[in-house]
Amino acid sequence: MKNLVESFYDWYRQTLRHPKYRWLIIAGTLLYLVSPIDISPDFLPIVGWIDDGLLATLLIAELSQLATDLLANRRQRPNAEANTADEPVIDVQAR
């Protein structure tokens, strides 16, 4: 059971970090959370909410980590967008 949970977590994390599938995973997770069809139905008190709570926690944790990484990369490379090509930059001083 532990390997199954770890495998799912690794797959979810890797797929969420892939730009091509990110929005599909986010939309699928949100659809699962609002859908009445679950692994454990929501009409069962507490037990029905555990899978939703775990998946919501996983989504929020991964999105916040992704946002933190993105902001850290932008702070490290503030001029990365200014010169996207590997061309030399010519500094010209106008008088």
N, C-alpha and C. Protein backbone atom coordinates (compact mmCIF):
# COMPACT_ATOMS: atom_id res chain seq x y z
N MET A 1 0.82 -1.20 0.00
CA MET A 1 0.00 0.00 0.00
C MET A 1 0.87 1.26 0.00
N LYS A 2 1.98 1.22 0.74
CA LYS A 2 2.86 2.38 0.81
C LYS A 2 3.47 2.69 -0.56
N ASN A 3 3.86 1.64 -1.29
CA ASN A 3 4.42 1.85 -2.62
C ASN A 3 3.40 2.44 -3.57
N LEU A 4 2.14 2.05 -3.42
CA LEU A 4 1.08 2.58 -4.27
C LEU A 4 0.89 4.07 -4.01
N VAL A 5 0.90 4.47 -2.75
CA VAL A 5 0.74 5.88 -2.39
C VAL A 5 1.94 6.69 -2.88
N GLU A 6 3.13 6.17 -2.67
CA GLU A 6 4.34 6.87 -3.13
C GLU A 6 4.36 6.98 -4.65
N SER A 7 3.94 5.93 -5.33
CA SER A 7 3.91 5.96 -6.80
C SER A 7 2.92 7.01 -7.29
N PHE A 8 1.74 7.06 -6.66
CA PHE A 8 0.75 8.06 -7.05
C PHE A 8 1.28 9.47 -6.79
N TYR A 9 1.89 9.67 -5.63
CA TYR A 9 2.42 10.99 -5.28
C TYR A 9 3.51 11.41 -6.27
N ASP A 10 4.42 10.52 -6.60
CA ASP A 10 5.48 10.84 -7.55
C ASP A 10 4.91 11.15 -8.92
N TRP A 11 3.96 10.33 -9.38
CA TRP A 11 3.33 10.57 -10.68
C TRP A 11 2.61 11.92 -10.69
N TYR A 12 1.84 12.20 -9.65
CA TYR A 12 1.08 13.45 -9.56
C TYR A 12 2.02 14.65 -9.59
N ARG A 13 3.08 14.57 -8.81
CA ARG A 13 4.03 15.68 -8.73
C ARG A 13 4.74 15.90 -10.07
N GLN A 14 5.22 14.82 -10.68
CA GLN A 14 5.92 14.95 -11.97
C GLN A 14 5.00 15.49 -13.05
N THR A 15 3.76 15.01 -13.09
CA THR A 15 2.82 15.45 -14.12
C THR A 15 2.41 16.89 -13.90
N LEU A 16 2.25 17.29 -12.64
CA LEU A 16 1.88 18.67 -12.35
C LEU A 16 2.99 19.64 -12.70
N ARG A 17 4.22 19.21 -12.61
CA ARG A 17 5.36 20.08 -12.95
C ARG A 17 5.62 20.13 -14.46
N HIS A 18 4.99 19.26 -15.22
CA HIS A 18 5.14 19.28 -16.68
C HIS A 18 4.17 20.31 -17.26
N PRO A 19 4.68 21.34 -17.94
CA PRO A 19 3.80 22.42 -18.41
C PRO A 19 2.68 21.96 -19.35
N LYS A 20 2.92 20.89 -20.08
CA LYS A 20 1.93 20.42 -21.05
C LYS A 20 0.69 19.84 -20.34
N TYR A 21 0.89 19.20 -19.19
CA TYR A 21 -0.21 18.51 -18.52
C TYR A 21 -0.68 19.22 -17.25
N ARG A 22 -0.05 20.32 -16.89
CA ARG A 22 -0.36 21.00 -15.62
C ARG A 22 -1.82 21.35 -15.48
N TRP A 23 -2.39 22.04 -16.45
CA TRP A 23 -3.78 22.48 -16.34
C TRP A 23 -4.74 21.32 -16.40
N LEU A 24 -4.38 20.26 -17.10
CA LEU A 24 -5.23 19.08 -17.15
C LEU A 24 -5.30 18.42 -15.76
N ILE A 25 -4.18 18.32 -15.08
CA ILE A 25 -4.15 17.74 -13.74
C ILE A 25 -4.91 18.63 -12.74
N ILE A 26 -4.72 19.94 -12.84
CA ILE A 26 -5.43 20.85 -11.94
C ILE A 26 -6.94 20.75 -12.16
N ALA A 27 -7.37 20.76 -13.42
CA ALA A 27 -8.80 20.66 -13.72
C ALA A 27 -9.36 19.31 -13.27
N GLY A 28 -8.61 18.24 -13.51
CA GLY A 28 -9.06 16.91 -13.09
C GLY A 28 -9.18 16.79 -11.58
N THR A 29 -8.23 17.38 -10.87
CA THR A 29 -8.28 17.36 -9.40
C THR A 29 -9.48 18.14 -8.89
N LEU A 30 -9.71 19.33 -9.44
CA LEU A 30 -10.86 20.13 -9.01
C LEU A 30 -12.18 19.45 -9.35
N LEU A 31 -12.24 18.80 -10.51
CA LEU A 31 -13.44 18.06 -10.90
C LEU A 31 -13.68 16.90 -9.94
N TYR A 32 -12.63 16.20 -9.56
CA TYR A 32 -12.76 15.10 -8.60
C TYR A 32 -13.26 15.61 -7.26
N LEU A 33 -12.76 16.77 -6.83
CA LEU A 33 -13.16 17.31 -5.53
C LEU A 33 -14.62 17.71 -5.48
N VAL A 34 -15.18 18.22 -6.58
CA VAL A 34 -16.59 18.63 -6.58
C VAL A 34 -17.53 17.53 -7.04
N SER A 35 -16.98 16.47 -7.60
CA SER A 35 -17.80 15.37 -8.11
C SER A 35 -18.33 14.50 -6.96
N PRO A 36 -19.56 14.04 -7.09
CA PRO A 36 -20.08 13.13 -6.06
C PRO A 36 -19.51 11.71 -6.18
N ILE A 37 -18.85 11.42 -7.28
CA ILE A 37 -18.26 10.09 -7.49
C ILE A 37 -16.83 10.12 -6.99
N ASP A 38 -16.55 9.40 -5.91
CA ASP A 38 -15.25 9.39 -5.27
C ASP A 38 -14.81 7.96 -5.00
N ILE A 39 -13.56 7.83 -4.55
CA ILE A 39 -13.08 6.54 -4.08
C ILE A 39 -13.86 6.14 -2.83
N SER A 40 -14.03 7.09 -1.92
CA SER A 40 -14.90 6.88 -0.75
C SER A 40 -15.96 7.97 -0.79
N PRO A 41 -17.22 7.60 -0.91
CA PRO A 41 -18.30 8.58 -1.09
C PRO A 41 -18.37 9.60 0.05
N ASP A 42 -18.75 10.83 -0.32
CA ASP A 42 -18.77 11.92 0.63
C ASP A 42 -19.92 11.84 1.63
N PHE A 43 -20.94 11.02 1.35
CA PHE A 43 -22.05 10.94 2.30
C PHE A 43 -21.68 10.14 3.55
N LEU A 44 -20.55 9.43 3.53
CA LEU A 44 -20.05 8.77 4.73
C LEU A 44 -19.28 9.81 5.55
N PRO A 45 -19.71 10.05 6.77
CA PRO A 45 -19.04 11.09 7.57
C PRO A 45 -17.55 10.76 7.78
N ILE A 46 -16.73 11.73 7.70
CA ILE A 46 -15.29 11.71 7.91
C ILE A 46 -14.56 10.83 6.90
N VAL A 47 -14.95 9.58 6.77
CA VAL A 47 -14.27 8.68 5.84
C VAL A 47 -14.39 9.18 4.41
N GLY A 48 -15.53 9.72 4.06
CA GLY A 48 -15.75 10.23 2.71
C GLY A 48 -14.97 11.50 2.41
N TRP A 49 -14.57 12.19 3.46
CA TRP A 49 -13.86 13.46 3.26
C TRP A 49 -12.35 13.28 3.27
N ILE A 50 -11.88 12.13 3.69
CA ILE A 50 -10.43 11.92 3.81
C ILE A 50 -9.75 11.99 2.44
N ASP A 51 -10.28 11.28 1.44
CA ASP A 51 -9.62 11.31 0.13
C ASP A 51 -9.66 12.69 -0.49
N ASP A 52 -10.79 13.41 -0.30
CA ASP A 52 -10.87 14.78 -0.82
C ASP A 52 -9.87 15.68 -0.11
N GLY A 53 -9.76 15.54 1.19
CA GLY A 53 -8.82 16.36 1.96
C GLY A 53 -7.39 16.09 1.58
N LEU A 54 -7.05 14.83 1.39
CA LEU A 54 -5.68 14.47 1.01
C LEU A 54 -5.34 15.01 -0.38
N LEU A 55 -6.27 14.87 -1.31
CA LEU A 55 -6.02 15.34 -2.67
C LEU A 55 -5.96 16.86 -2.73
N ALA A 56 -6.83 17.54 -1.98
CA ALA A 56 -6.79 19.00 -1.94
C ALA A 56 -5.48 19.49 -1.31
N THR A 57 -5.05 18.81 -0.25
CA THR A 57 -3.78 19.17 0.39
C THR A 57 -2.61 18.97 -0.56
N LEU A 58 -2.62 17.86 -1.27
CA LEU A 58 -1.56 17.57 -2.24
C LEU A 58 -1.53 18.63 -3.34
N LEU A 59 -2.69 18.99 -3.86
CA LEU A 59 -2.76 20.01 -4.92
C LEU A 59 -2.24 21.36 -4.42
N ILE A 60 -2.69 21.78 -3.25
CA ILE A 60 -2.27 23.07 -2.72
C ILE A 60 -0.77 23.08 -2.41
N ALA A 61 -0.27 21.99 -1.84
CA ALA A 61 1.16 21.91 -1.52
C ALA A 61 2.01 21.97 -2.78
N GLU A 62 1.63 21.24 -3.80
CA GLU A 62 2.41 21.22 -5.03
C GLU A 62 2.33 22.54 -5.78
N LEU A 63 1.14 23.16 -5.81
CA LEU A 63 1.02 24.46 -6.49
C LEU A 63 1.80 25.54 -5.75
N SER A 64 1.79 25.50 -4.43
CA SER A 64 2.56 26.50 -3.70
C SER A 64 4.06 26.28 -3.88
N GLN A 65 4.50 25.03 -3.94
CA GLN A 65 5.92 24.75 -4.19
C GLN A 65 6.31 25.19 -5.60
N LEU A 66 5.43 24.95 -6.56
CA LEU A 66 5.67 25.36 -7.94
C LEU A 66 5.77 26.89 -8.03
N ALA A 67 4.88 27.60 -7.34
CA ALA A 67 4.91 29.06 -7.35
C ALA A 67 6.18 29.58 -6.66
N THR A 68 6.57 28.95 -5.57
CA THR A 68 7.79 29.36 -4.87
C THR A 68 9.01 29.17 -5.75
N ASP A 69 9.09 28.04 -6.44
CA ASP A 69 10.21 27.79 -7.35
C ASP A 69 10.24 28.80 -8.49
N LEU A 70 9.06 29.12 -9.02
CA LEU A 70 8.97 30.07 -10.12
C LEU A 70 9.44 31.45 -9.67
N LEU A 71 8.99 31.89 -8.50
CA LEU A 71 9.40 33.20 -7.99
C LEU A 71 10.89 33.23 -7.67
N ALA A 72 11.43 32.15 -7.15
CA ALA A 72 12.86 32.09 -6.84
C ALA A 72 13.68 32.17 -8.12
N ASN A 73 13.24 31.52 -9.18
CA ASN A 73 13.95 31.57 -10.47
C ASN A 73 13.90 32.97 -11.06
N ARG A 74 12.78 33.66 -10.91
CA ARG A 74 12.69 35.02 -11.45
C ARG A 74 13.56 35.99 -10.68
N ARG A 75 13.71 35.77 -9.38
CA ARG A 75 14.57 36.66 -8.59
C ARG A 75 16.04 36.42 -8.91
N GLN A 76 16.40 35.18 -9.22
CA GLN A 76 17.79 34.88 -9.56
C GLN A 76 18.16 35.42 -10.92
N ARG A 77 17.22 35.41 -11.85
CA ARG A 77 17.49 35.86 -13.22
C ARG A 77 16.54 36.99 -13.58
N PRO A 78 16.76 38.20 -13.08
CA PRO A 78 15.82 39.30 -13.36
C PRO A 78 15.82 39.74 -14.82
N ASN A 79 16.94 39.59 -15.53
CA ASN A 79 17.01 40.04 -16.92
C ASN A 79 16.92 38.89 -17.91
N ALA A 80 16.42 37.76 -17.48
CA ALA A 80 16.35 36.60 -18.37
C ALA A 80 15.38 36.83 -19.52
N GLU A 81 14.29 37.57 -19.26
CA GLU A 81 13.32 37.80 -20.33
C GLU A 81 13.80 38.87 -21.30
N ALA A 82 14.68 39.75 -20.85
CA ALA A 82 15.15 40.85 -21.70
C ALA A 82 16.00 40.34 -22.85
N ASN A 83 16.82 39.35 -22.61
CA ASN A 83 17.69 38.80 -23.64
C ASN A 83 17.47 37.29 -23.70
N THR A 84 16.42 36.87 -24.41
CA THR A 84 16.10 35.45 -24.46
C THR A 84 17.00 34.70 -25.43
N ALA A 85 17.49 35.35 -26.44
CA ALA A 85 18.38 34.69 -27.40
C ALA A 85 19.81 34.73 -26.86
N ASP A 86 20.63 33.86 -27.36
CA ASP A 86 22.03 33.82 -26.93
C ASP A 86 22.88 34.75 -27.80
N GLU A 87 22.40 35.96 -27.97
CA GLU A 87 23.10 36.95 -28.76
C GLU A 87 23.85 37.89 -27.83
N PRO A 88 24.94 38.44 -28.30
CA PRO A 88 25.66 39.40 -27.45
C PRO A 88 24.85 40.68 -27.29
N VAL A 89 24.97 41.27 -26.13
CA VAL A 89 24.26 42.53 -25.85
C VAL A 89 25.24 43.66 -26.09
N ILE A 90 24.83 44.62 -26.92
CA ILE A 90 25.66 45.78 -27.22
C ILE A 90 25.14 46.95 -26.42
N ASP A 91 25.96 47.47 -25.55
CA ASP A 91 25.59 48.61 -24.73
C ASP A 91 26.04 49.88 -25.43
N VAL A 92 25.08 50.70 -25.79
CA VAL A 92 25.38 51.94 -26.51
C VAL A 92 24.97 53.11 -25.64
N GLN A 93 25.88 54.07 -25.52
CA GLN A 93 25.59 55.25 -24.74
C GLN A 93 25.32 56.40 -25.70
N ALA A 94 24.14 56.96 -25.65
CA ALA A 94 23.81 58.08 -26.53
C ALA A 94 24.19 59.39 -25.88
N ARG A 95 24.73 60.33 -26.69
CA ARG A 95 25.13 61.65 -26.16
C ARG A 95 24.33 62.72 -26.79
